[in-house]
Each structure stands twice: as structure tokens, then as C-alpha cells.
Amino acid sequence: MKRLVTTVALALALAGPAAAECYADYKAKRDEPLQLHYGVARVSDANCSPGAAEGELAPRLAAAGWTLLNVLSTFGPEGLEERKASAGDYFLRY
């Protein structure tokens, strides 16, 4: 029994938490004069759905004077490189 407990404890310690990364691509705007931008931002793993990412991104963007229009999608690190050029200055800015 002691050996089983030790084995399970060791397996749990080695497994550790999975470090998933989540990103969202979004559209935002500013008024007067009208400005629009497309961006990519990292969001917490708990908010890795478009609806949940909106709740996390809207306050970040609002603090910089932007209004979130919509979150287009959420994705992992494998989708970063293909969006980098399109996001330009707004790649991982917020």
C-alpha cells in the first residue's frame, strides 16, 4: 500500500499543471475620429472561448480608449504566426 501511495504521489508531482496558452483575435474601434484595428491578445485559459474572451478583453481595451467590437476566434500558440502580420502594432499589445 505504501508503494502505491508513493507511486501515485510521484506521478502527480511529475505531471504538474498543463500550461496551455490561449489567444484571441479581435476587432476594436475608437470614435472621433473613427479608427479601427484588428489585434491579437493573450487571454487566460479560463476564458478561452470567444464569449469569455470578450469579458476579459473589453476592459483592457477600454483602458486604452478602445471599444471592443467582437472577438473573432480563440486559438492556441499554433495560430500566432499566421496572424502576426495582420495584427501589426496590435499583435499581443493588449
PDB file of N, CA and C in Angstrom:
ATOM      1  N   MET A   1       0.824  -1.190   0.000  1.00  0.00           N
ATOM      2  CA  MET A   1       0.000   0.000   0.000  1.00  0.00           C
ATOM      3  C   MET A   1       0.875   1.264   0.000  1.00  0.00           C
ATOM      4  N   LYS A   2       1.942   1.235   0.780  1.00  0.00           N
ATOM      5  CA  LYS A   2       2.835   2.381   0.853  1.00  0.00           C
ATOM      6  C   LYS A   2       3.463   2.656  -0.515  1.00  0.00           C
ATOM      7  N   ARG A   3       3.794   1.600  -1.216  1.00  0.00           N
ATOM      8  CA  ARG A   3       4.393   1.732  -2.539  1.00  0.00           C
ATOM      9  C   ARG A   3       3.410   2.360  -3.530  1.00  0.00           C
ATOM     10  N   LEU A   4       2.146   1.990  -3.440  1.00  0.00           N
ATOM     11  CA  LEU A   4       1.114   2.550  -4.309  1.00  0.00           C
ATOM     12  C   LEU A   4       0.950   4.043  -4.056  1.00  0.00           C
ATOM     13  N   VAL A   5       0.887   4.434  -2.807  1.00  0.00           N
ATOM     14  CA  VAL A   5       0.729   5.851  -2.463  1.00  0.00           C
ATOM     15  C   VAL A   5       1.934   6.645  -2.959  1.00  0.00           C
ATOM     16  N   THR A   6       3.111   6.113  -2.786  1.00  0.00           N
ATOM     17  CA  THR A   6       4.322   6.786  -3.246  1.00  0.00           C
ATOM     18  C   THR A   6       4.319   6.931  -4.759  1.00  0.00           C
ATOM     19  N   THR A   7       3.914   5.901  -5.470  1.00  0.00           N
ATOM     20  CA  THR A   7       3.857   5.940  -6.935  1.00  0.00           C
ATOM     21  C   THR A   7       2.857   6.983  -7.419  1.00  0.00           C
ATOM     22  N   VAL A   8       1.688   7.023  -6.814  1.00  0.00           N
ATOM     23  CA  VAL A   8       0.660   7.995  -7.199  1.00  0.00           C
ATOM     24  C   VAL A   8       1.142   9.411  -6.907  1.00  0.00           C
ATOM     25  N   ALA A   9       1.737   9.636  -5.747  1.00  0.00           N
ATOM     26  CA  ALA A   9       2.245  10.965  -5.399  1.00  0.00           C
ATOM     27  C   ALA A   9       3.319  11.415  -6.371  1.00  0.00           C
ATOM     28  N   LEU A  10       4.200  10.528  -6.740  1.00  0.00           N
ATOM     29  CA  LEU A  10       5.257  10.851  -7.689  1.00  0.00           C
ATOM     30  C   LEU A  10       4.680  11.173  -9.065  1.00  0.00           C
ATOM     31  N   ALA A  11       3.715  10.412  -9.505  1.00  0.00           N
ATOM     32  CA  ALA A  11       3.087  10.651 -10.806  1.00  0.00           C
ATOM     33  C   ALA A  11       2.394  12.014 -10.833  1.00  0.00           C
ATOM     34  N   LEU A  12       1.710  12.372  -9.768  1.00  0.00           N
ATOM     35  CA  LEU A  12       1.038  13.671  -9.703  1.00  0.00           C
ATOM     36  C   LEU A  12       2.041  14.822  -9.686  1.00  0.00           C
ATOM     37  N   ALA A  13       3.123  14.640  -8.968  1.00  0.00           N
ATOM     38  CA  ALA A  13       4.141  15.685  -8.893  1.00  0.00           C
ATOM     39  C   ALA A  13       4.803  15.910 -10.246  1.00  0.00           C
ATOM     40  N   LEU A  14       5.047  14.854 -10.985  1.00  0.00           N
ATOM     41  CA  LEU A  14       5.693  14.984 -12.285  1.00  0.00           C
ATOM     42  C   LEU A  14       4.749  15.534 -13.343  1.00  0.00           C
ATOM     43  N   ALA A  15       3.482  15.228 -13.222  1.00  0.00           N
ATOM     44  CA  ALA A  15       2.510  15.680 -14.211  1.00  0.00           C
ATOM     45  C   ALA A  15       2.363  17.190 -14.161  1.00  0.00           C
ATOM     46  N   GLY A  16       2.210  17.771 -12.993  1.00  0.00           N
ATOM     47  CA  GLY A  16       2.071  19.213 -12.839  1.00  0.00           C
ATOM     48  C   GLY A  16       0.888  19.743 -13.625  1.00  0.00           C
ATOM     49  N   PRO A  17       0.653  21.024 -13.520  1.00  0.00           N
ATOM     50  CA  PRO A  17      -0.445  21.601 -14.275  1.00  0.00           C
ATOM     51  C   PRO A  17      -0.075  21.753 -15.749  1.00  0.00           C
ATOM     52  N   ALA A  18      -1.037  21.523 -16.606  1.00  0.00           N
ATOM     53  CA  ALA A  18      -0.796  21.694 -18.038  1.00  0.00           C
ATOM     54  C   ALA A  18      -0.758  23.181 -18.341  1.00  0.00           C
ATOM     55  N   ALA A  19       0.234  23.629 -19.037  1.00  0.00           N
ATOM     56  CA  ALA A  19       0.404  25.046 -19.332  1.00  0.00           C
ATOM     57  C   ALA A  19      -0.082  25.335 -20.747  1.00  0.00           C
ATOM     58  N   ALA A  20      -1.364  25.408 -20.910  1.00  0.00           N
ATOM     59  CA  ALA A  20      -1.935  25.726 -22.216  1.00  0.00           C
ATOM     60  C   ALA A  20      -1.901  27.236 -22.412  1.00  0.00           C
ATOM     61  N   GLU A  21      -1.757  27.644 -23.634  1.00  0.00           N
ATOM     62  CA  GLU A  21      -1.771  29.069 -23.950  1.00  0.00           C
ATOM     63  C   GLU A  21      -2.987  29.349 -24.811  1.00  0.00           C
ATOM     64  N   CYS A  22      -3.643  30.473 -24.537  1.00  0.00           N
ATOM     65  CA  CYS A  22      -4.832  30.834 -25.288  1.00  0.00           C
ATOM     66  C   CYS A  22      -4.712  32.273 -25.774  1.00  0.00           C
ATOM     67  N   TYR A  23      -5.096  32.479 -27.010  1.00  0.00           N
ATOM     68  CA  TYR A  23      -5.045  33.799 -27.631  1.00  0.00           C
ATOM     69  C   TYR A  23      -6.384  34.063 -28.317  1.00  0.00           C
ATOM     70  N   ALA A  24      -6.691  35.338 -28.496  1.00  0.00           N
ATOM     71  CA  ALA A  24      -7.922  35.732 -29.180  1.00  0.00           C
ATOM     72  C   ALA A  24      -7.577  36.780 -30.227  1.00  0.00           C
ATOM     73  N   ASP A  25      -8.208  36.692 -31.378  1.00  0.00           N
ATOM     74  CA  ASP A  25      -8.099  37.783 -32.330  1.00  0.00           C
ATOM     75  C   ASP A  25      -9.424  38.534 -32.315  1.00  0.00           C
ATOM     76  N   TYR A  26      -9.328  39.853 -32.432  1.00  0.00           N
ATOM     77  CA  TYR A  26     -10.484  40.708 -32.181  1.00  0.00           C
ATOM     78  C   TYR A  26     -10.445  41.934 -33.094  1.00  0.00           C
ATOM     79  N   LYS A  27     -11.571  42.653 -33.114  1.00  0.00           N
ATOM     80  CA  LYS A  27     -11.677  43.943 -33.789  1.00  0.00           C
ATOM     81  C   LYS A  27     -12.123  44.967 -32.753  1.00  0.00           C
ATOM     82  N   ALA A  28     -11.527  46.168 -32.835  1.00  0.00           N
ATOM     83  CA  ALA A  28     -11.860  47.235 -31.899  1.00  0.00           C
ATOM     84  C   ALA A  28     -11.942  48.564 -32.646  1.00  0.00           C
ATOM     85  N   LYS A  29     -12.559  49.563 -31.993  1.00  0.00           N
ATOM     86  CA  LYS A  29     -12.704  50.877 -32.625  1.00  0.00           C
ATOM     87  C   LYS A  29     -12.533  51.991 -31.602  1.00  0.00           C
ATOM     88  N   ARG A  30     -12.237  53.174 -32.127  1.00  0.00           N
ATOM     89  CA  ARG A  30     -12.256  54.434 -31.380  1.00  0.00           C
ATOM     90  C   ARG A  30     -13.118  55.390 -32.186  1.00  0.00           C
ATOM     91  N   ASP A  31     -13.827  56.265 -31.502  1.00  0.00           N
ATOM     92  CA  ASP A  31     -14.646  57.268 -32.188  1.00  0.00           C
ATOM     93  C   ASP A  31     -13.949  58.621 -32.186  1.00  0.00           C
ATOM     94  N   GLU A  32     -14.348  59.463 -33.123  1.00  0.00           N
ATOM     95  CA  GLU A  32     -13.938  60.863 -33.243  1.00  0.00           C
ATOM     96  C   GLU A  32     -12.444  61.079 -33.165  1.00  0.00           C
ATOM     97  N   PRO A  33     -11.702  60.899 -34.169  1.00  0.00           N
ATOM     98  CA  PRO A  33     -12.095  60.348 -35.462  1.00  0.00           C
ATOM     99  C   PRO A  33     -12.170  58.824 -35.401  1.00  0.00           C
ATOM    100  N   LEU A  34     -12.973  58.282 -36.260  1.00  0.00           N
ATOM    101  CA  LEU A  34     -13.143  56.833 -36.281  1.00  0.00           C
ATOM    102  C   LEU A  34     -11.826  56.142 -36.632  1.00  0.00           C
ATOM    103  N   GLN A  35     -11.438  55.199 -35.778  1.00  0.00           N
ATOM    104  CA  GLN A  35     -10.268  54.361 -36.018  1.00  0.00           C
ATOM    105  C   GLN A  35     -10.679  52.923 -35.751  1.00  0.00           C
ATOM    106  N   LEU A  36     -10.206  52.023 -36.558  1.00  0.00           N
ATOM    107  CA  LEU A  36     -10.474  50.601 -36.385  1.00  0.00           C
ATOM    108  C   LEU A  36      -9.155  49.854 -36.315  1.00  0.00           C
ATOM    109  N   HIS A  37      -9.123  48.779 -35.554  1.00  0.00           N
ATOM    110  CA  HIS A  37      -7.941  47.926 -35.607  1.00  0.00           C
ATOM    111  C   HIS A  37      -8.304  46.473 -35.363  1.00  0.00           C
ATOM    112  N   TYR A  38      -7.461  45.625 -35.932  1.00  0.00           N
ATOM    113  CA  TYR A  38      -7.517  44.178 -35.726  1.00  0.00           C
ATOM    114  C   TYR A  38      -6.330  43.859 -34.842  1.00  0.00           C
ATOM    115  N   GLY A  39      -6.547  43.030 -33.815  1.00  0.00           N
ATOM    116  CA  GLY A  39      -5.447  42.688 -32.927  1.00  0.00           C
ATOM    117  C   GLY A  39      -5.508  41.254 -32.453  1.00  0.00           C
ATOM    118  N   VAL A  40      -4.423  40.854 -31.824  1.00  0.00           N
ATOM    119  CA  VAL A  40      -4.297  39.539 -31.201  1.00  0.00           C
ATOM    120  C   VAL A  40      -3.838  39.767 -29.776  1.00  0.00           C
ATOM    121  N   ALA A  41      -4.490  39.114 -28.819  1.00  0.00           N
ATOM    122  CA  ALA A  41      -4.152  39.270 -27.405  1.00  0.00           C
ATOM    123  C   ALA A  41      -4.151  37.917 -26.716  1.00  0.00           C
ATOM    124  N   ARG A  42      -3.337  37.804 -25.711  1.00  0.00           N
ATOM    125  CA  ARG A  42      -3.353  36.588 -24.895  1.00  0.00           C
ATOM    126  C   ARG A  42      -4.470  36.717 -23.880  1.00  0.00           C
ATOM    127  N   VAL A  43      -5.216  35.648 -23.699  1.00  0.00           N
ATOM    128  CA  VAL A  43      -6.268  35.605 -22.684  1.00  0.00           C
ATOM    129  C   VAL A  43      -6.007  34.428 -21.764  1.00  0.00           C
ATOM    130  N   SER A  44      -6.583  34.470 -20.585  1.00  0.00           N
ATOM    131  CA  SER A  44      -6.368  33.386 -19.632  1.00  0.00           C
ATOM    132  C   SER A  44      -7.024  32.107 -20.135  1.00  0.00           C
ATOM    133  N   ASP A  45      -6.476  30.990 -19.715  1.00  0.00           N
ATOM    134  CA  ASP A  45      -7.007  29.697 -20.139  1.00  0.00           C
ATOM    135  C   ASP A  45      -8.473  29.533 -19.744  1.00  0.00           C
ATOM    136  N   ALA A  46      -8.870  30.138 -18.645  1.00  0.00           N
ATOM    137  CA  ALA A  46     -10.258  30.045 -18.193  1.00  0.00           C
ATOM    138  C   ALA A  46     -11.210  30.781 -19.135  1.00  0.00           C
ATOM    139  N   ASN A  47     -10.680  31.711 -19.924  1.00  0.00           N
ATOM    140  CA  ASN A  47     -11.508  32.500 -20.845  1.00  0.00           C
ATOM    141  C   ASN A  47     -11.209  32.165 -22.301  1.00  0.00           C
ATOM    142  N   CYS A  48     -10.919  30.917 -22.570  1.00  0.00           N
ATOM    143  CA  CYS A  48     -10.516  30.503 -23.916  1.00  0.00           C
ATOM    144  C   CYS A  48     -11.702  30.097 -24.786  1.00  0.00           C
ATOM    145  N   SER A  49     -12.681  30.952 -24.828  1.00  0.00           N
ATOM    146  CA  SER A  49     -13.786  30.840 -25.782  1.00  0.00           C
ATOM    147  C   SER A  49     -14.092  32.271 -26.208  1.00  0.00           C
ATOM    148  N   PRO A  50     -14.616  32.479 -27.393  1.00  0.00           N
ATOM    149  CA  PRO A  50     -14.860  33.853 -27.833  1.00  0.00           C
ATOM    150  C   PRO A  50     -15.709  34.674 -26.864  1.00  0.00           C
ATOM    151  N   GLY A  51     -16.761  34.094 -26.330  1.00  0.00           N
ATOM    152  CA  GLY A  51     -17.622  34.825 -25.402  1.00  0.00           C
ATOM    153  C   GLY A  51     -16.909  35.211 -24.116  1.00  0.00           C
ATOM    154  N   ALA A  52     -16.169  34.287 -23.554  1.00  0.00           N
ATOM    155  CA  ALA A  52     -15.438  34.571 -22.316  1.00  0.00           C
ATOM    156  C   ALA A  52     -14.281  35.530 -22.569  1.00  0.00           C
ATOM    157  N   ALA A  53     -13.628  35.420 -23.714  1.00  0.00           N
ATOM    158  CA  ALA A  53     -12.518  36.315 -24.033  1.00  0.00           C
ATOM    159  C   ALA A  53     -13.000  37.758 -24.152  1.00  0.00           C
ATOM    160  N   GLU A  54     -14.227  37.963 -24.630  1.00  0.00           N
ATOM    161  CA  GLU A  54     -14.775  39.318 -24.713  1.00  0.00           C
ATOM    162  C   GLU A  54     -14.786  39.980 -23.350  1.00  0.00           C
ATOM    163  N   GLY A  55     -15.210  39.231 -22.334  1.00  0.00           N
ATOM    164  CA  GLY A  55     -15.257  39.779 -20.983  1.00  0.00           C
ATOM    165  C   GLY A  55     -13.892  40.148 -20.433  1.00  0.00           C
ATOM    166  N   GLU A  56     -12.869  39.454 -20.866  1.00  0.00           N
ATOM    167  CA  GLU A  56     -11.514  39.762 -20.416  1.00  0.00           C
ATOM    168  C   GLU A  56     -10.891  40.900 -21.222  1.00  0.00           C
ATOM    169  N   LEU A  57     -11.141  40.919 -22.533  1.00  0.00           N
ATOM    170  CA  LEU A  57     -10.510  41.919 -23.390  1.00  0.00           C
ATOM    171  C   LEU A  57     -11.162  43.301 -23.335  1.00  0.00           C
ATOM    172  N   ALA A  58     -12.471  43.362 -23.178  1.00  0.00           N
ATOM    173  CA  ALA A  58     -13.169  44.653 -23.213  1.00  0.00           C
ATOM    174  C   ALA A  58     -12.595  45.659 -22.213  1.00  0.00           C
ATOM    175  N   PRO A  59     -12.375  45.291 -20.948  1.00  0.00           N
ATOM    176  CA  PRO A  59     -11.811  46.275 -20.011  1.00  0.00           C
ATOM    177  C   PRO A  59     -10.375  46.685 -20.355  1.00  0.00           C
ATOM    178  N   ARG A  60      -9.576  45.753 -20.848  1.00  0.00           N
ATOM    179  CA  ARG A  60      -8.200  46.076 -21.236  1.00  0.00           C
ATOM    180  C   ARG A  60      -8.188  47.120 -22.342  1.00  0.00           C
ATOM    181  N   LEU A  61      -9.018  46.904 -23.348  1.00  0.00           N
ATOM    182  CA  LEU A  61      -9.075  47.830 -24.472  1.00  0.00           C
ATOM    183  C   LEU A  61      -9.680  49.166 -24.050  1.00  0.00           C
ATOM    184  N   ALA A  62     -10.712  49.125 -23.212  1.00  0.00           N
ATOM    185  CA  ALA A  62     -11.361  50.356 -22.757  1.00  0.00           C
ATOM    186  C   ALA A  62     -10.378  51.244 -21.994  1.00  0.00           C
ATOM    187  N   ALA A  63      -9.481  50.642 -21.248  1.00  0.00           N
ATOM    188  CA  ALA A  63      -8.483  51.415 -20.501  1.00  0.00           C
ATOM    189  C   ALA A  63      -7.581  52.215 -21.439  1.00  0.00           C
ATOM    190  N   ALA A  64      -7.455  51.775 -22.679  1.00  0.00           N
ATOM    191  CA  ALA A  64      -6.640  52.476 -23.676  1.00  0.00           C
ATOM    192  C   ALA A  64      -7.503  53.295 -24.642  1.00  0.00           C
ATOM    193  N   GLY A  65      -8.793  53.417 -24.352  1.00  0.00           N
ATOM    194  CA  GLY A  65      -9.680  54.226 -25.178  1.00  0.00           C
ATOM    195  C   GLY A  65     -10.319  53.515 -26.357  1.00  0.00           C
ATOM    196  N   TRP A  66     -10.220  52.188 -26.398  1.00  0.00           N
ATOM    197  CA  TRP A  66     -10.797  51.401 -27.484  1.00  0.00           C
ATOM    198  C   TRP A  66     -12.080  50.715 -27.024  1.00  0.00           C
ATOM    199  N   THR A  67     -12.983  50.494 -27.961  1.00  0.00           N
ATOM    200  CA  THR A  67     -14.200  49.729 -27.713  1.00  0.00           C
ATOM    201  C   THR A  67     -14.084  48.411 -28.465  1.00  0.00           C
ATOM    202  N   LEU A  68     -14.220  47.318 -27.748  1.00  0.00           N
ATOM    203  CA  LEU A  68     -14.181  46.001 -28.389  1.00  0.00           C
ATOM    204  C   LEU A  68     -15.423  45.823 -29.239  1.00  0.00           C
ATOM    205  N   LEU A  69     -15.240  45.508 -30.505  1.00  0.00           N
ATOM    206  CA  LEU A  69     -16.375  45.233 -31.387  1.00  0.00           C
ATOM    207  C   LEU A  69     -16.762  43.765 -31.324  1.00  0.00           C
ATOM    208  N   ASN A  70     -15.780  42.890 -31.494  1.00  0.00           N
ATOM    209  CA  ASN A  70     -16.050  41.453 -31.370  1.00  0.00           C
ATOM    210  C   ASN A  70     -14.757  40.655 -31.302  1.00  0.00           C
ATOM    211  N   VAL A  71     -14.866  39.479 -30.727  1.00  0.00           N
ATOM    212  CA  VAL A  71     -13.777  38.514 -30.729  1.00  0.00           C
ATOM    213  C   VAL A  71     -14.073  37.561 -31.876  1.00  0.00           C
ATOM    214  N   LEU A  72     -13.141  37.461 -32.795  1.00  0.00           N
ATOM    215  CA  LEU A  72     -13.342  36.622 -33.976  1.00  0.00           C
ATOM    216  C   LEU A  72     -13.161  35.151 -33.658  1.00  0.00           C
ATOM    217  N   SER A  73     -12.105  34.827 -32.892  1.00  0.00           N
ATOM    218  CA  SER A  73     -11.843  33.434 -32.547  1.00  0.00           C
ATOM    219  C   SER A  73     -10.846  33.369 -31.400  1.00  0.00           C
ATOM    220  N   THR A  74     -10.756  32.195 -30.808  1.00  0.00           N
ATOM    221  CA  THR A  74      -9.714  31.903 -29.833  1.00  0.00           C
ATOM    222  C   THR A  74      -8.918  30.713 -30.365  1.00  0.00           C
ATOM    223  N   PHE A  75      -7.642  30.669 -30.014  1.00  0.00           N
ATOM    224  CA  PHE A  75      -6.766  29.642 -30.581  1.00  0.00           C
ATOM    225  C   PHE A  75      -5.538  29.482 -29.700  1.00  0.00           C
ATOM    226  N   GLY A  76      -4.751  28.479 -29.988  1.00  0.00           N
ATOM    227  CA  GLY A  76      -3.522  28.213 -29.260  1.00  0.00           C
ATOM    228  C   GLY A  76      -2.328  28.849 -29.949  1.00  0.00           C
ATOM    229  N   PRO A  77      -1.130  28.593 -29.431  1.00  0.00           N
ATOM    230  CA  PRO A  77       0.073  29.212 -29.983  1.00  0.00           C
ATOM    231  C   PRO A  77       0.336  28.863 -31.444  1.00  0.00           C
ATOM    232  N   GLU A  78      -0.240  27.776 -31.918  1.00  0.00           N
ATOM    233  CA  GLU A  78      -0.031  27.381 -33.316  1.00  0.00           C
ATOM    234  C   GLU A  78      -0.646  28.378 -34.298  1.00  0.00           C
ATOM    235  N   GLY A  79      -1.556  29.219 -33.854  1.00  0.00           N
ATOM    236  CA  GLY A  79      -2.193  30.186 -34.744  1.00  0.00           C
ATOM    237  C   GLY A  79      -1.582  31.575 -34.701  1.00  0.00           C
ATOM    238  N   LEU A  80      -0.558  31.777 -33.886  1.00  0.00           N
ATOM    239  CA  LEU A  80       0.023  33.112 -33.732  1.00  0.00           C
ATOM    240  C   LEU A  80       0.715  33.617 -34.990  1.00  0.00           C
ATOM    241  N   GLU A  81       1.595  32.826 -35.534  1.00  0.00           N
ATOM    242  CA  GLU A  81       2.437  33.292 -36.645  1.00  0.00           C
ATOM    243  C   GLU A  81       1.613  33.738 -37.848  1.00  0.00           C
ATOM    244  N   GLU A  82       0.546  33.022 -38.153  1.00  0.00           N
ATOM    245  CA  GLU A  82      -0.252  33.378 -39.328  1.00  0.00           C
ATOM    246  C   GLU A  82      -1.034  34.679 -39.138  1.00  0.00           C
ATOM    247  N   ARG A  83      -1.202  35.137 -37.889  1.00  0.00           N
ATOM    248  CA  ARG A  83      -1.952  36.363 -37.622  1.00  0.00           C
ATOM    249  C   ARG A  83      -1.045  37.560 -37.327  1.00  0.00           C
ATOM    250  N   LYS A  84       0.219  37.323 -37.155  1.00  0.00           N
ATOM    251  CA  LYS A  84       1.146  38.367 -36.724  1.00  0.00           C
ATOM    252  C   LYS A  84       1.185  39.550 -37.689  1.00  0.00           C
ATOM    253  N   ALA A  85       1.319  39.306 -38.959  1.00  0.00           N
ATOM    254  CA  ALA A  85       1.404  40.397 -39.939  1.00  0.00           C
ATOM    255  C   ALA A  85       0.107  41.197 -39.998  1.00  0.00           C
ATOM    256  N   SER A  86      -1.026  40.528 -39.918  1.00  0.00           N
ATOM    257  CA  SER A  86      -2.312  41.222 -39.991  1.00  0.00           C
ATOM    258  C   SER A  86      -2.547  42.119 -38.774  1.00  0.00           C
ATOM    259  N   ALA A  87      -2.087  41.686 -37.618  1.00  0.00           N
ATOM    260  CA  ALA A  87      -2.296  42.459 -36.387  1.00  0.00           C
ATOM    261  C   ALA A  87      -1.322  43.628 -36.273  1.00  0.00           C
ATOM    262  N   GLY A  88      -0.167  43.533 -36.892  1.00  0.00           N
ATOM    263  CA  GLY A  88       0.792  44.639 -36.876  1.00  0.00           C
ATOM    264  C   GLY A  88       1.122  45.125 -35.475  1.00  0.00           C
ATOM    265  N   ASP A  89       0.937  46.427 -35.233  1.00  0.00           N
ATOM    266  CA  ASP A  89       1.236  47.029 -33.924  1.00  0.00           C
ATOM    267  C   ASP A  89       0.350  46.492 -32.808  1.00  0.00           C
ATOM    268  N   TYR A  90      -0.745  45.856 -33.153  1.00  0.00           N
ATOM    269  CA  TYR A  90      -1.676  45.360 -32.147  1.00  0.00           C
ATOM    270  C   TYR A  90      -1.516  43.857 -31.893  1.00  0.00           C
ATOM    271  N   PHE A  91      -0.383  43.310 -32.279  1.00  0.00           N
ATOM    272  CA  PHE A  91      -0.064  41.914 -32.018  1.00  0.00           C
ATOM    273  C   PHE A  91       0.448  41.802 -30.582  1.00  0.00           C
ATOM    274  N   LEU A  92      -0.339  41.157 -29.740  1.00  0.00           N
ATOM    275  CA  LEU A  92      -0.030  40.950 -28.317  1.00  0.00           C
ATOM    276  C   LEU A  92       0.192  42.255 -27.553  1.00  0.00           C
ATOM    277  N   ARG A  93      -0.433  43.341 -28.003  1.00  0.00           N
ATOM    278  CA  ARG A  93      -0.305  44.633 -27.336  1.00  0.00           C
ATOM    279  C   ARG A  93      -1.192  44.732 -26.107  1.00  0.00           C
ATOM    280  N   TYR A  94      -2.402  44.205 -26.185  1.00  0.00           N
ATOM    281  CA  TYR A  94      -3.328  44.275 -25.053  1.00  0.00           C
ATOM    282  C   TYR A  94      -3.492  42.913 -24.485  1.00  0.00           C
TER     283      TYR A  94
END
